[in-house]
C-alpha cells in the first residue's frame, strides 16, 4: 500500500489539472455566450431593418392602391359620360330618322 505522503503530490497535480480544465471550460462558455449575444444583436438589427423595409413597402403599396382607385373612379366617370353621350346621340339619330320618315311619307 502506497504511503499518503507519496500520493499527495499527484493529487495536487490532479487538482491543478481539473482547476485548469474548469477555467478553460468557463472561458470557452464565456466566449460562446459573447458570440451568441453578438449574433442576437445582429439578428435583432436585421429584423429592425426588414421591418422598416416592410413598412416602406406597405406605404408604397397603399399609395399605389389610392392612385389606382382614383384612376378607376375616373374611368367609371368617363364610361358614364360616354354612355350618356351615346344615349343622347342615339336619341338624336332616332329623332332624325323619324323626321326623315315623316318627310318621306
N, C-alpha and C. Protein backbone atom coordinates (compact mmCIF):
# COMPACT_ATOMS: atom_id res chain seq x y z
N UNK A 1 0.85 -1.17 0.00
CA UNK A 1 0.00 0.00 0.00
C UNK A 1 0.90 1.23 0.00
N UNK A 2 0.63 2.18 -0.98
CA UNK A 2 1.47 3.36 -1.03
C UNK A 2 1.18 4.28 0.14
N UNK A 3 2.19 4.99 0.51
CA UNK A 3 2.01 5.91 1.62
C UNK A 3 1.34 7.18 1.13
N UNK A 4 0.60 7.85 2.03
CA UNK A 4 -0.13 9.06 1.70
C UNK A 4 0.82 10.16 1.27
N UNK A 5 1.96 10.21 1.86
CA UNK A 5 2.90 11.26 1.52
C UNK A 5 3.38 11.13 0.08
N UNK A 6 3.39 9.92 -0.46
CA UNK A 6 3.81 9.74 -1.86
C UNK A 6 2.66 10.03 -2.83
N UNK A 7 1.43 9.92 -2.43
CA UNK A 7 0.26 10.16 -3.28
C UNK A 7 -0.09 11.65 -3.32
N UNK A 8 0.21 12.36 -2.24
CA UNK A 8 -0.17 13.77 -2.09
C UNK A 8 0.26 14.65 -3.28
N UNK A 9 1.45 14.62 -3.78
CA UNK A 9 1.84 15.46 -4.91
C UNK A 9 1.04 15.16 -6.16
N UNK A 10 0.74 13.88 -6.40
CA UNK A 10 -0.03 13.54 -7.59
C UNK A 10 -1.48 14.02 -7.44
N UNK A 11 -2.03 14.02 -6.23
CA UNK A 11 -3.38 14.54 -6.01
C UNK A 11 -3.40 16.04 -6.26
N UNK A 12 -2.37 16.74 -5.81
CA UNK A 12 -2.30 18.19 -6.05
C UNK A 12 -2.20 18.48 -7.53
N UNK A 13 -1.42 17.68 -8.25
CA UNK A 13 -1.28 17.84 -9.70
C UNK A 13 -2.62 17.61 -10.38
N UNK A 14 -3.34 16.59 -9.92
CA UNK A 14 -4.67 16.27 -10.47
C UNK A 14 -5.63 17.42 -10.22
N UNK A 15 -5.60 17.99 -9.02
CA UNK A 15 -6.47 19.12 -8.70
C UNK A 15 -6.13 20.32 -9.58
N UNK A 16 -4.88 20.57 -9.80
CA UNK A 16 -4.44 21.66 -10.66
C UNK A 16 -4.93 21.48 -12.09
N UNK A 17 -4.87 20.26 -12.58
CA UNK A 17 -5.35 19.97 -13.94
C UNK A 17 -6.86 20.19 -14.03
N UNK A 18 -7.59 19.73 -13.04
CA UNK A 18 -9.05 19.90 -13.02
C UNK A 18 -9.41 21.38 -12.98
N UNK A 19 -8.67 22.11 -12.12
CA UNK A 19 -8.94 23.54 -12.00
C UNK A 19 -8.70 24.22 -13.34
N UNK A 20 -7.61 23.86 -14.00
CA UNK A 20 -7.31 24.45 -15.31
C UNK A 20 -8.38 24.06 -16.34
N UNK A 21 -8.84 22.81 -16.29
CA UNK A 21 -9.91 22.37 -17.20
C UNK A 21 -11.18 23.18 -16.97
N UNK A 22 -11.53 23.40 -15.71
CA UNK A 22 -12.72 24.18 -15.38
C UNK A 22 -12.56 25.62 -15.85
N UNK A 23 -11.38 26.19 -15.62
CA UNK A 23 -11.13 27.57 -16.06
C UNK A 23 -11.21 27.68 -17.59
N UNK A 24 -10.62 26.69 -18.27
CA UNK A 24 -10.68 26.69 -19.74
C UNK A 24 -12.12 26.55 -20.22
N UNK A 25 -12.85 25.66 -19.59
CA UNK A 25 -14.26 25.44 -19.99
C UNK A 25 -15.09 26.71 -19.72
N UNK A 26 -14.85 27.34 -18.57
CA UNK A 26 -15.56 28.57 -18.23
C UNK A 26 -15.25 29.67 -19.25
N UNK A 27 -13.96 29.78 -19.61
CA UNK A 27 -13.56 30.77 -20.61
C UNK A 27 -14.23 30.47 -21.96
N UNK A 28 -14.27 29.22 -22.34
CA UNK A 28 -14.91 28.82 -23.60
C UNK A 28 -16.41 29.15 -23.57
N UNK A 29 -17.07 28.86 -22.46
CA UNK A 29 -18.50 29.15 -22.33
C UNK A 29 -18.75 30.66 -22.40
N UNK A 30 -17.86 31.44 -21.76
CA UNK A 30 -17.97 32.90 -21.79
C UNK A 30 -17.86 33.41 -23.22
N UNK A 31 -16.89 32.89 -23.97
CA UNK A 31 -16.71 33.30 -25.36
C UNK A 31 -17.93 32.92 -26.21
N UNK A 32 -18.47 31.72 -25.97
CA UNK A 32 -19.67 31.29 -26.69
C UNK A 32 -20.86 32.20 -26.38
N UNK A 33 -20.97 32.58 -25.10
CA UNK A 33 -22.06 33.46 -24.70
C UNK A 33 -21.91 34.83 -25.37
N UNK A 34 -20.70 35.37 -25.39
CA UNK A 34 -20.46 36.66 -26.03
C UNK A 34 -20.74 36.59 -27.53
N UNK A 35 -20.34 35.49 -28.16
CA UNK A 35 -20.61 35.31 -29.58
C UNK A 35 -22.12 35.21 -29.83
N UNK A 36 -22.80 34.49 -28.96
CA UNK A 36 -24.26 34.37 -29.09
C UNK A 36 -24.95 35.71 -28.91
N UNK A 37 -24.46 36.52 -27.97
CA UNK A 37 -25.03 37.86 -27.76
C UNK A 37 -24.82 38.74 -28.98
N UNK A 38 -23.61 38.66 -29.59
CA UNK A 38 -23.36 39.44 -30.82
C UNK A 38 -24.29 38.97 -31.94
N UNK A 39 -24.43 37.66 -32.06
CA UNK A 39 -25.32 37.12 -33.10
C UNK A 39 -26.76 37.58 -32.87
N UNK A 40 -27.18 37.60 -31.62
CA UNK A 40 -28.53 38.05 -31.29
C UNK A 40 -28.71 39.52 -31.66
N UNK A 41 -27.73 40.35 -31.31
CA UNK A 41 -27.82 41.78 -31.65
C UNK A 41 -27.87 41.98 -33.16
N UNK A 42 -27.06 41.23 -33.90
CA UNK A 42 -27.07 41.33 -35.36
C UNK A 42 -28.43 40.91 -35.91
N UNK A 43 -28.97 39.83 -35.36
CA UNK A 43 -30.28 39.35 -35.82
C UNK A 43 -31.37 40.38 -35.50
N UNK A 44 -31.31 40.97 -34.32
CA UNK A 44 -32.30 41.99 -33.95
C UNK A 44 -32.20 43.20 -34.87
N UNK A 45 -30.99 43.59 -35.23
CA UNK A 45 -30.79 44.72 -36.13
C UNK A 45 -31.33 44.39 -37.52
N UNK A 46 -31.08 43.18 -37.97
CA UNK A 46 -31.59 42.76 -39.27
C UNK A 46 -33.12 42.76 -39.27
N UNK A 47 -33.72 42.29 -38.21
CA UNK A 47 -35.18 42.28 -38.08
C UNK A 47 -35.70 43.71 -38.13
N UNK A 48 -35.04 44.62 -37.42
CA UNK A 48 -35.47 46.02 -37.42
C UNK A 48 -35.41 46.60 -38.84
N UNK A 49 -34.30 46.33 -39.54
CA UNK A 49 -34.18 46.85 -40.92
C UNK A 49 -35.25 46.24 -41.83
N UNK A 50 -35.49 44.95 -41.68
CA UNK A 50 -36.51 44.30 -42.51
C UNK A 50 -37.90 44.84 -42.21
N UNK A 51 -38.17 45.12 -40.93
CA UNK A 51 -39.46 45.70 -40.56
C UNK A 51 -39.62 47.09 -41.18
N UNK A 52 -38.53 47.87 -41.19
CA UNK A 52 -38.58 49.20 -41.82
C UNK A 52 -38.84 49.07 -43.32
N UNK A 53 -38.17 48.11 -43.96
CA UNK A 53 -38.37 47.90 -45.40
C UNK A 53 -39.81 47.45 -45.67
N UNK A 54 -40.32 46.58 -44.80
CA UNK A 54 -41.69 46.10 -44.96
C UNK A 54 -42.68 47.26 -44.82
N UNK A 55 -42.46 48.12 -43.83
CA UNK A 55 -43.36 49.26 -43.65
C UNK A 55 -43.30 50.20 -44.85
N UNK A 56 -42.10 50.43 -45.38
CA UNK A 56 -41.95 51.29 -46.56
C UNK A 56 -42.69 50.67 -47.75
N UNK A 57 -42.58 49.35 -47.90
CA UNK A 57 -43.28 48.67 -49.00
C UNK A 57 -44.79 48.76 -48.81
N UNK A 58 -45.26 48.62 -47.57
CA UNK A 58 -46.70 48.75 -47.29
C UNK A 58 -47.19 50.16 -47.63
N UNK A 59 -46.40 51.17 -47.22
CA UNK A 59 -46.78 52.55 -47.50
C UNK A 59 -46.85 52.80 -49.01
N UNK A 60 -45.86 52.28 -49.73
CA UNK A 60 -45.85 52.46 -51.18
C UNK A 60 -47.04 51.74 -51.83
N UNK A 61 -47.34 50.55 -51.34
CA UNK A 61 -48.48 49.80 -51.86
C UNK A 61 -49.78 50.57 -51.63
N UNK A 62 -49.95 51.14 -50.44
CA UNK A 62 -51.15 51.92 -50.15
C UNK A 62 -51.25 53.11 -51.09
N UNK A 63 -50.13 53.77 -51.34
CA UNK A 63 -50.11 54.91 -52.24
C UNK A 63 -50.55 54.48 -53.64
N UNK A 64 -50.00 53.37 -54.13
CA UNK A 64 -50.37 52.88 -55.45
C UNK A 64 -51.84 52.44 -55.50
N UNK A 65 -52.33 51.89 -54.41
CA UNK A 65 -53.74 51.50 -54.37
C UNK A 65 -54.64 52.72 -54.45
N UNK A 66 -54.26 53.79 -53.75
CA UNK A 66 -55.06 55.02 -53.82
C UNK A 66 -55.03 55.60 -55.23
N UNK A 67 -53.85 55.57 -55.86
CA UNK A 67 -53.75 56.06 -57.24
C UNK A 67 -54.62 55.23 -58.16
N UNK A 68 -54.58 53.91 -57.97
CA UNK A 68 -55.39 53.01 -58.79
C UNK A 68 -56.88 53.27 -58.57
N UNK A 69 -57.29 53.47 -57.33
CA UNK A 69 -58.69 53.76 -57.05
C UNK A 69 -59.12 55.05 -57.73
N UNK A 70 -58.25 56.05 -57.70
CA UNK A 70 -58.55 57.32 -58.37
C UNK A 70 -58.69 57.11 -59.87
N UNK A 71 -57.81 56.32 -60.46
CA UNK A 71 -57.88 56.05 -61.89
C UNK A 71 -59.16 55.28 -62.24
N UNK A 72 -59.51 54.31 -61.40
CA UNK A 72 -60.74 53.55 -61.63
C UNK A 72 -61.98 54.44 -61.53
N UNK A 73 -61.96 55.37 -60.60
CA UNK A 73 -63.07 56.30 -60.45
C UNK A 73 -63.19 57.17 -61.71
N UNK A 74 -62.06 57.68 -62.19
CA UNK A 74 -62.06 58.47 -63.43
C UNK A 74 -62.58 57.64 -64.59
N UNK A 75 -62.17 56.39 -64.67
CA UNK A 75 -62.62 55.51 -65.74
C UNK A 75 -64.13 55.30 -65.67
N UNK A 76 -64.64 55.08 -64.48
CA UNK A 76 -66.09 54.90 -64.31
C UNK A 76 -66.84 56.16 -64.72
N UNK A 77 -66.32 57.32 -64.32
CA UNK A 77 -66.96 58.58 -64.71
C UNK A 77 -66.94 58.75 -66.22
N UNK A 78 -65.81 58.40 -66.84
CA UNK A 78 -65.69 58.51 -68.29
C UNK A 78 -66.66 57.56 -68.97
N UNK A 79 -66.80 56.34 -68.44
CA UNK A 79 -67.76 55.38 -69.00
C UNK A 79 -69.18 55.92 -68.89
N UNK A 80 -69.48 56.50 -67.74
CA UNK A 80 -70.82 57.04 -67.53
C UNK A 80 -71.10 58.18 -68.52
N UNK A 81 -70.10 59.09 -68.66
CA UNK A 81 -70.27 60.19 -69.61
C UNK A 81 -70.41 59.66 -71.03
N UNK A 82 -69.64 58.65 -71.36
CA UNK A 82 -69.70 58.06 -72.70
C UNK A 82 -71.07 57.43 -72.93
N UNK A 83 -71.56 56.71 -71.92
CA UNK A 83 -72.87 56.08 -72.05
C UNK A 83 -73.96 57.15 -72.19
N UNK A 84 -73.85 58.22 -71.42
CA UNK A 84 -74.83 59.31 -71.50
C UNK A 84 -74.78 59.95 -72.88
N UNK A 85 -73.57 60.23 -73.35
CA UNK A 85 -73.40 60.85 -74.67
C UNK A 85 -73.91 59.92 -75.76
N UNK A 86 -73.66 58.64 -75.64
CA UNK A 86 -74.12 57.66 -76.63
C UNK A 86 -75.64 57.63 -76.66
N UNK A 87 -76.24 57.60 -75.49
CA UNK A 87 -77.71 57.59 -75.44
C UNK A 87 -78.27 58.85 -76.07
N UNK A 88 -77.67 59.99 -75.79
CA UNK A 88 -78.12 61.27 -76.37
C UNK A 88 -78.00 61.23 -77.89
N UNK A 89 -76.86 60.74 -78.40
CA UNK A 89 -76.67 60.65 -79.85
C UNK A 89 -77.66 59.67 -80.48
N UNK A 90 -77.90 58.57 -79.81
CA UNK A 90 -78.88 57.60 -80.33
C UNK A 90 -80.27 58.22 -80.41
N UNK A 91 -80.61 59.01 -79.38
CA UNK A 91 -81.91 59.70 -79.40
C UNK A 91 -81.98 60.68 -80.57
N UNK A 92 -80.90 61.43 -80.79
CA UNK A 92 -80.88 62.39 -81.90
C UNK A 92 -80.98 61.66 -83.25
N UNK A 93 -80.27 60.54 -83.38
CA UNK A 93 -80.34 59.77 -84.62
C UNK A 93 -81.76 59.26 -84.83
N UNK A 94 -82.36 58.76 -83.79
CA UNK A 94 -83.72 58.24 -83.88
C UNK A 94 -84.67 59.37 -84.26
N UNK A 95 -84.50 60.54 -83.65
CA UNK A 95 -85.35 61.68 -83.97
C UNK A 95 -85.17 62.08 -85.43
N UNK A 96 -83.95 62.09 -85.92
CA UNK A 96 -83.69 62.45 -87.32
C UNK A 96 -84.29 61.40 -88.25
N UNK A 97 -84.18 60.13 -87.87
CA UNK A 97 -84.75 59.07 -88.70
C UNK A 97 -86.27 59.21 -88.76
N UNK A 98 -86.87 59.55 -87.62
CA UNK A 98 -88.33 59.73 -87.60
C UNK A 98 -88.72 60.94 -88.46
N UNK A 99 -87.93 62.00 -88.38
CA UNK A 99 -88.20 63.19 -89.17
C UNK A 99 -88.07 62.87 -90.66
N UNK A 100 -87.03 62.12 -91.03
CA UNK A 100 -86.85 61.72 -92.43
C UNK A 100 -88.02 60.84 -92.86
N UNK A 101 -88.41 59.95 -92.03
CA UNK A 101 -89.54 59.05 -92.33
C UNK A 101 -90.81 59.86 -92.52
N UNK A 102 -91.03 60.80 -91.66
CA UNK A 102 -92.23 61.63 -91.74
C UNK A 102 -92.22 62.47 -93.03
N UNK A 103 -91.04 62.97 -93.42
CA UNK A 103 -90.94 63.77 -94.64
C UNK A 103 -91.20 62.88 -95.85
N UNK A 104 -90.70 61.66 -95.80
CA UNK A 104 -90.86 60.75 -96.91
C UNK A 104 -92.32 60.31 -97.05
N UNK A 105 -93.01 60.23 -96.00
CA UNK A 105 -94.41 59.78 -96.07
C UNK A 105 -95.23 60.91 -96.51
